[in-house]
Protein backbone atom coordinates (compact mmCIF):
# COMPACT_ATOMS: atom_id res chain seq x y z
CA UNK A 1 106.98 42.68 31.81
CA UNK A 2 105.04 41.09 34.66
CA UNK A 3 101.93 38.99 34.20
CA UNK A 4 98.78 40.86 33.25
CA UNK A 5 96.48 41.53 36.22
CA UNK A 6 92.90 40.39 36.23
CA UNK A 7 93.72 36.75 35.47
CA UNK A 8 92.53 35.30 38.79
CA UNK A 9 90.14 35.90 41.66
CA UNK A 10 91.61 37.11 44.90
CA UNK A 11 92.18 34.47 47.57
CA UNK A 12 92.32 36.51 50.78
CA UNK A 13 92.70 33.47 53.02
CA UNK A 14 95.58 32.26 50.85
CA UNK A 15 97.27 35.65 51.12
CA UNK A 16 97.01 35.62 54.91
CA UNK A 17 98.27 32.05 55.04
CA UNK A 18 101.23 32.86 52.79
CA UNK A 19 102.19 35.96 54.79
CA UNK A 20 102.01 34.10 58.10
CA UNK A 21 103.81 30.99 56.88
CA UNK A 22 106.68 32.86 55.27
CA UNK A 23 107.05 35.35 58.13
CA UNK A 24 107.38 32.41 60.52
CA UNK A 25 109.73 30.38 58.32
CA UNK A 26 112.00 33.23 57.24
CA UNK A 27 111.84 35.56 60.25
CA UNK A 28 115.63 35.63 60.55
CA UNK A 29 116.00 36.62 56.89
CA UNK A 30 113.36 39.33 57.26
CA UNK A 31 115.19 40.71 60.28
CA UNK A 32 118.55 40.68 58.49
CA UNK A 33 117.28 42.45 55.38
CA UNK A 34 115.42 44.93 57.59
CA UNK A 35 118.64 45.92 59.31
CA UNK A 36 120.50 46.06 56.01
CA UNK A 37 117.80 48.25 54.46
CA UNK A 38 117.85 50.57 57.48
CA UNK A 39 121.63 50.99 57.35
CA UNK A 40 121.56 51.44 53.57
CA UNK A 41 118.94 54.20 53.96
CA UNK A 42 120.94 56.30 56.41
CA UNK A 43 122.34 58.66 53.73
CA UNK A 44 118.64 59.32 52.89
CA UNK A 45 119.32 59.75 49.19
CA UNK A 46 119.90 55.99 49.03
CA UNK A 47 116.55 55.04 50.58
CA UNK A 48 115.19 54.32 47.10
CA UNK A 49 117.97 51.88 46.29
CA UNK A 50 117.36 50.23 49.66
CA UNK A 51 113.65 49.80 48.83
CA UNK A 52 114.41 48.19 45.47
CA UNK A 53 117.08 45.93 46.98
CA UNK A 54 114.74 44.94 49.80
CA UNK A 55 111.95 43.95 47.43
CA UNK A 56 114.41 42.28 45.07
CA UNK A 57 115.87 40.14 47.86
CA UNK A 58 112.57 39.15 49.47
CA UNK A 59 111.11 38.35 46.04
CA UNK A 60 114.07 36.08 45.22
CA UNK A 61 113.83 34.35 48.60
CA UNK A 62 110.05 33.86 48.57
CA UNK A 63 109.46 32.98 44.92
CA UNK A 64 112.66 30.91 44.81
CA UNK A 65 111.64 28.63 47.67
CA UNK A 66 112.04 25.07 46.41
CA UNK A 67 113.01 26.39 42.98
CA UNK A 68 116.72 27.00 43.37
CA UNK A 69 116.48 30.38 45.10
CA UNK A 70 119.00 31.57 47.71
CA UNK A 71 118.67 29.37 50.81
CA UNK A 72 121.58 30.45 53.02
CA UNK A 73 121.63 33.74 54.90
CA UNK A 74 125.04 34.59 53.45
CA UNK A 75 123.64 34.24 49.92
CA UNK A 76 120.69 36.46 50.81
CA UNK A 77 122.90 39.14 52.32
CA UNK A 78 125.09 39.10 49.21
CA UNK A 79 122.00 39.39 47.02
CA UNK A 80 120.82 42.46 48.93
CA UNK A 81 124.20 44.17 48.74
CA UNK A 82 124.59 43.45 45.03
CA UNK A 83 121.07 44.69 44.29
CA UNK A 84 121.61 47.81 46.39
CA UNK A 85 124.78 48.74 44.52
CA UNK A 86 123.16 48.01 41.15
CA UNK A 87 120.16 50.21 41.92
CA UNK A 88 121.82 53.31 43.39
CA UNK A 89 120.91 55.42 40.38
CA UNK A 90 117.66 53.61 39.63
CA UNK A 91 116.49 54.26 43.18
CA UNK A 92 116.87 58.06 43.09
CA UNK A 93 113.25 58.72 41.97
CA UNK A 94 112.01 56.48 44.79
CA UNK A 95 114.05 58.51 47.27
CA UNK A 96 112.77 61.82 45.90
CA UNK A 97 109.11 60.77 46.05
CA UNK A 98 109.27 59.24 49.53
CA UNK A 99 111.40 61.95 51.13
CA UNK A 100 109.32 64.68 49.52
CA UNK A 101 106.15 63.13 50.94
CA UNK A 102 107.69 62.81 54.41
CA UNK A 103 108.90 66.43 54.37
CA UNK A 104 105.48 67.78 53.42
CA UNK A 105 103.73 65.56 55.98
CA UNK A 106 106.26 66.59 58.64
CA UNK A 107 105.59 70.25 57.95
CA UNK A 108 101.88 69.79 58.66
CA UNK A 109 102.55 67.61 61.71
CA UNK A 110 104.70 70.36 63.22
CA UNK A 111 101.99 72.90 62.44
CA UNK A 112 99.34 70.68 64.04
CA UNK A 113 101.43 70.53 67.22
CA UNK A 114 100.79 74.26 67.62
CA UNK A 115 97.04 73.69 67.70
CA UNK A 116 96.09 74.71 64.17
CA UNK A 117 92.97 72.88 62.95
CA UNK A 118 93.93 73.33 59.31
CA UNK A 119 97.38 71.89 59.95
CA UNK A 120 95.79 68.99 61.86
CA UNK A 121 93.80 68.03 58.78
CA UNK A 122 96.93 68.41 56.66
CA UNK A 123 98.88 66.26 59.11
CA UNK A 124 96.31 63.45 58.95
CA UNK A 125 96.25 63.58 55.17
CA UNK A 126 100.05 63.65 55.16
CA UNK A 127 100.29 60.52 57.30
CA UNK A 128 97.83 58.74 55.01
CA UNK A 129 99.92 59.90 52.06
CA UNK A 130 103.06 58.37 53.55
CA UNK A 131 101.34 54.98 53.83
CA UNK A 132 99.99 55.18 50.28
CA UNK A 133 103.27 56.36 48.77
CA UNK A 134 105.31 53.74 50.65
CA UNK A 135 103.02 50.93 49.46
CA UNK A 136 103.04 52.35 45.93
CA UNK A 137 106.84 52.50 45.85
CA UNK A 138 107.08 48.92 47.07
CA UNK A 139 104.71 47.91 44.27
CA UNK A 140 106.74 49.93 41.77
CA UNK A 141 109.85 48.09 42.93
CA UNK A 142 108.05 44.75 42.47
CA UNK A 143 107.20 45.62 38.89
CA UNK A 144 110.77 46.78 38.27
CA UNK A 145 112.57 43.74 39.69
CA UNK A 146 110.24 41.21 38.07
CA UNK A 147 110.44 42.78 34.62
CA UNK A 148 112.97 41.63 32.08
CA UNK A 149 113.26 44.95 30.28
CA UNK A 150 114.17 47.24 33.24
CA UNK A 151 111.28 49.70 32.92
CA UNK A 152 111.78 53.37 33.77
CA UNK A 153 110.48 54.54 37.13
CA UNK A 154 107.38 56.19 35.70
CA UNK A 155 106.50 53.14 33.62
CA UNK A 156 106.89 50.79 36.59
CA UNK A 157 104.95 53.18 38.84
CA UNK A 158 102.13 53.40 36.29
CA UNK A 159 101.89 49.63 35.94
CA UNK A 160 102.03 49.20 39.71
CA UNK A 161 99.14 51.63 40.14
CA UNK A 162 97.19 49.86 37.41
CA UNK A 163 97.58 46.49 39.14
CA UNK A 164 96.41 48.01 42.41
CA UNK A 165 93.36 49.63 40.81
CA UNK A 166 92.35 46.29 39.29
CA UNK A 167 91.60 45.05 42.81
CA UNK A 168 90.54 48.13 44.83
CA UNK A 169 89.28 46.32 47.93
CA UNK A 170 92.37 44.12 48.09
CA UNK A 171 94.62 47.15 47.63
CA UNK A 172 92.70 48.95 50.39
CA UNK A 173 93.33 46.02 52.73
CA UNK A 174 97.00 46.10 51.81
CA UNK A 175 97.18 49.81 52.67
CA UNK A 176 95.39 49.21 55.98
CA UNK A 177 97.88 46.44 56.78
CA UNK A 178 100.84 48.68 55.94
CA UNK A 179 99.43 51.37 58.22
CA UNK A 180 98.74 48.78 60.90
CA UNK A 181 102.30 47.47 60.83
CA UNK A 182 103.69 51.00 61.10
CA UNK A 183 101.27 51.84 63.92
CA UNK A 184 101.88 48.69 65.95
CA UNK A 185 105.63 49.29 65.79
CA UNK A 186 105.27 52.90 67.00
CA UNK A 187 105.64 52.09 70.75
CA UNK A 188 108.75 50.02 69.92
CA UNK A 189 111.00 52.26 67.75
CA UNK A 190 113.72 49.60 67.28
CA UNK A 191 111.15 47.52 65.40
CA UNK A 192 111.30 50.01 62.53
CA UNK A 193 114.89 48.91 61.94
CA UNK A 194 114.70 45.29 63.04
CA UNK A 195 111.60 43.89 61.35
CA UNK A 196 109.24 46.45 59.81
CA UNK A 197 111.03 46.84 56.43
CA UNK A 198 111.13 43.08 55.94
CA UNK A 199 107.47 42.64 56.85
CA UNK A 200 106.41 45.41 54.48
CA UNK A 201 108.45 43.86 51.67
CA UNK A 202 106.97 40.43 52.41
CA UNK A 203 103.46 41.87 52.36
CA UNK A 204 104.19 43.41 48.96
CA UNK A 205 105.65 40.19 47.54
CA UNK A 206 102.66 38.13 48.71
CA UNK A 207 100.04 40.59 47.45
CA UNK A 208 101.85 41.03 44.15
CA UNK A 209 102.02 37.27 43.71
CA UNK A 210 98.28 37.08 44.38
CA UNK A 211 97.35 39.80 41.90
CA UNK A 212 99.95 39.40 39.14
CA UNK A 213 101.65 36.06 39.72
CA UNK A 214 100.77 32.42 40.37
CA UNK A 215 98.67 33.22 43.45
CA UNK A 216 99.70 33.45 47.09
CA UNK A 217 98.80 29.80 47.78
CA UNK A 218 101.54 28.76 45.34
CA UNK A 219 103.99 30.24 47.85
CA UNK A 220 102.44 28.25 50.69
CA UNK A 221 102.70 25.04 48.68
CA UNK A 222 106.34 25.79 47.86
CA UNK A 223 107.15 26.28 51.54
CA UNK A 224 105.41 22.98 52.28
CA UNK A 225 107.63 21.31 49.69
CA UNK A 226 104.71 20.73 47.32
CA UNK A 227 106.27 21.95 44.09
CA UNK A 228 103.96 22.58 41.15
């Protein structure tokens, strides 16, 4: 399984530095995997496999920097496609949870459009739920792809929630950032296909590394060529 949480203090500045440095250095990769994840999600039932493949690919790229990870875009595309095919069945619970949340939230959003105060409250809660569930599924995928024993969905989801609860303020900031990314992209719909999935996956990889890995600054040092 992954490293036990609670082994280090949170370095917020290091997390921000890692996210910015990697987003700048690997923007092309993030755009490519974003488009791939969007296309792979079109059948809807495969959105879960796309989430796992997205996290798997970005994790391999980021944590493999300077350590023999995939360096060419062709290798990274192949990694995504192989992971997507391998996780078609494994991703079904992810798809069910995310699509179910979106359907319920959409129901209340439509009701709120008719002027119902109760539906307005439900719509707001539903939108918050989408952010929380999306971040939770990304964390679940992180646990799954970094584990050697291929945990079941519920086991990975439970461990992902546990890691998040170990650092509540840091998790809250992560959720705010997820919501911020989704909100900023709203006026530019193509961004949801071109860059948002990759940025969300990168955010998850960096925050996971900070809470359950070697620390986000280890990623910055790797991208600087300062191997540990």
